[in-house]
């Protein structure tokens, strides 16, 4: 079996990180071509289950418009949700990525009022 198949099985059993990892497989086309709609589905499902990492990835998809229209407002909301979830888990591996995205939104006024201070 491949990693994708194992992640799929684990995700079916409710493993949130496996669902998030499937999102990465689809986002980066690790098994062929990129599929942003499948990536969005996986990240959204994991985000709805409380994954801070998946929340910021959903935010990225909205920010860049990879699965449809850009929506800076929704991107900003998902980045904020990621920070809230991050505060509960203290996942240092993704902390800087999430903080960077929020800082960029405030600095440029993407999805929120511009605030450079």
Protein backbone atom coordinates (compact mmCIF):
# COMPACT_ATOMS: atom_id res chain seq x y z
CA UNK A 1 0.00 0.00 0.00
CA UNK A 2 1.03 3.60 -0.55
CA UNK A 3 1.14 6.42 1.98
CA UNK A 4 -2.01 7.86 0.40
CA UNK A 5 -3.85 4.58 0.94
CA UNK A 6 -2.73 4.36 4.57
CA UNK A 7 -3.69 7.98 5.20
CA UNK A 8 -7.07 7.33 3.60
CA UNK A 9 -7.67 4.33 5.86
CA UNK A 10 -6.57 6.26 8.95
CA UNK A 11 -8.75 9.23 8.00
CA UNK A 12 -11.77 6.93 7.61
CA UNK A 13 -11.08 5.78 11.16
CA UNK A 14 -11.19 9.39 12.35
CA UNK A 15 -7.52 10.33 12.46
CA UNK A 16 -7.47 14.10 11.93
CA UNK A 17 -3.75 14.34 11.11
CA UNK A 18 -4.15 11.67 8.42
CA UNK A 19 -6.91 13.76 6.82
CA UNK A 20 -4.64 16.80 6.92
CA UNK A 21 -1.80 14.79 5.36
CA UNK A 22 -4.13 13.73 2.55
CA UNK A 23 -4.72 17.41 1.94
CA UNK A 24 -0.98 17.89 1.43
CA UNK A 25 -0.86 14.96 -0.99
CA UNK A 26 -3.57 16.55 -3.13
CA UNK A 27 -2.30 20.12 -2.75
CA UNK A 28 1.22 19.30 -3.91
CA UNK A 29 0.28 16.55 -6.38
CA UNK A 30 2.41 13.94 -4.64
CA UNK A 31 0.67 11.09 -6.49
CA UNK A 32 0.22 12.77 -9.84
CA UNK A 33 -1.41 16.11 -10.55
CA UNK A 34 -2.50 18.70 -8.02
CA UNK A 35 -6.15 18.68 -7.00
CA UNK A 36 -6.96 21.77 -4.94
CA UNK A 37 -10.62 20.86 -4.53
CA UNK A 38 -9.72 17.51 -2.93
CA UNK A 39 -7.04 19.25 -0.87
CA UNK A 40 -9.60 21.80 0.30
CA UNK A 41 -12.05 19.02 1.22
CA UNK A 42 -9.43 17.23 3.32
CA UNK A 43 -8.09 20.35 5.01
CA UNK A 44 -11.62 21.63 5.73
CA UNK A 45 -12.68 18.32 7.25
CA UNK A 46 -9.56 18.29 9.46
CA UNK A 47 -10.07 21.98 10.36
CA UNK A 48 -13.65 21.26 11.38
CA UNK A 49 -12.25 18.57 13.68
CA UNK A 50 -9.96 21.05 15.45
CA UNK A 51 -6.67 20.94 13.56
CA UNK A 52 -4.80 24.26 13.72
CA UNK A 53 -2.57 23.14 10.86
CA UNK A 54 -5.57 22.38 8.65
CA UNK A 55 -7.15 25.74 9.54
CA UNK A 56 -4.20 27.68 8.24
CA UNK A 57 -4.11 25.51 5.10
CA UNK A 58 -7.82 26.26 4.47
CA UNK A 59 -6.90 29.91 4.99
CA UNK A 60 -4.14 29.58 2.41
CA UNK A 61 -6.51 28.09 -0.15
CA UNK A 62 -8.88 31.03 0.34
CA UNK A 63 -5.98 33.51 0.37
CA UNK A 64 -4.52 32.33 -2.94
CA UNK A 65 -7.79 31.24 -4.55
CA UNK A 66 -6.42 27.79 -5.35
CA UNK A 67 -9.83 26.04 -5.25
CA UNK A 68 -11.90 28.97 -6.50
CA UNK A 69 -12.18 32.69 -5.85
CA UNK A 70 -9.79 34.46 -3.51
CA UNK A 71 -11.45 35.44 -0.25
CA UNK A 72 -9.14 37.36 2.06
CA UNK A 73 -11.87 37.72 4.68
CA UNK A 74 -12.32 33.96 5.03
CA UNK A 75 -8.56 33.44 4.90
CA UNK A 76 -8.11 35.87 7.80
CA UNK A 77 -10.88 34.13 9.78
CA UNK A 78 -9.24 30.73 9.34
CA UNK A 79 -5.85 32.11 10.32
CA UNK A 80 -7.39 33.53 13.49
CA UNK A 81 -9.09 30.22 14.24
CA UNK A 82 -5.75 28.48 13.74
CA UNK A 83 -4.19 30.73 16.39
CA UNK A 84 -6.98 29.92 18.83
CA UNK A 85 -6.51 26.20 18.26
CA UNK A 86 -2.76 26.62 18.41
CA UNK A 87 -3.06 28.23 21.84
CA UNK A 88 -4.75 25.04 23.03
CA UNK A 89 -2.12 22.68 21.58
CA UNK A 90 1.13 24.70 21.55
CA UNK A 91 2.31 23.19 18.26
CA UNK A 92 5.60 25.05 17.80
CA UNK A 93 6.18 23.53 14.35
CA UNK A 94 3.46 25.62 12.70
CA UNK A 95 3.31 28.61 15.02
CA UNK A 96 5.59 30.84 12.96
CA UNK A 97 3.71 29.98 9.74
CA UNK A 98 0.39 31.02 11.23
CA UNK A 99 1.75 34.18 12.87
CA UNK A 100 3.40 35.19 9.60
CA UNK A 101 0.11 34.86 7.71
CA UNK A 102 -1.78 36.94 10.26
CA UNK A 103 0.93 39.61 10.26
CA UNK A 104 0.77 39.78 6.46
CA UNK A 105 -3.01 40.20 6.56
CA UNK A 106 -2.76 43.06 9.05
CA UNK A 107 0.19 44.70 7.32
CA UNK A 108 -1.42 44.66 3.87
CA UNK A 109 -5.05 44.92 5.00
CA UNK A 110 -6.03 41.54 3.55
CA UNK A 111 -9.38 40.54 5.03
CA UNK A 112 -9.09 43.06 7.86
CA UNK A 113 -8.25 46.69 8.47
CA UNK A 114 -4.63 47.56 7.80
CA UNK A 115 -2.66 47.80 11.02
CA UNK A 116 1.10 48.05 10.76
CA UNK A 117 1.62 48.71 14.46
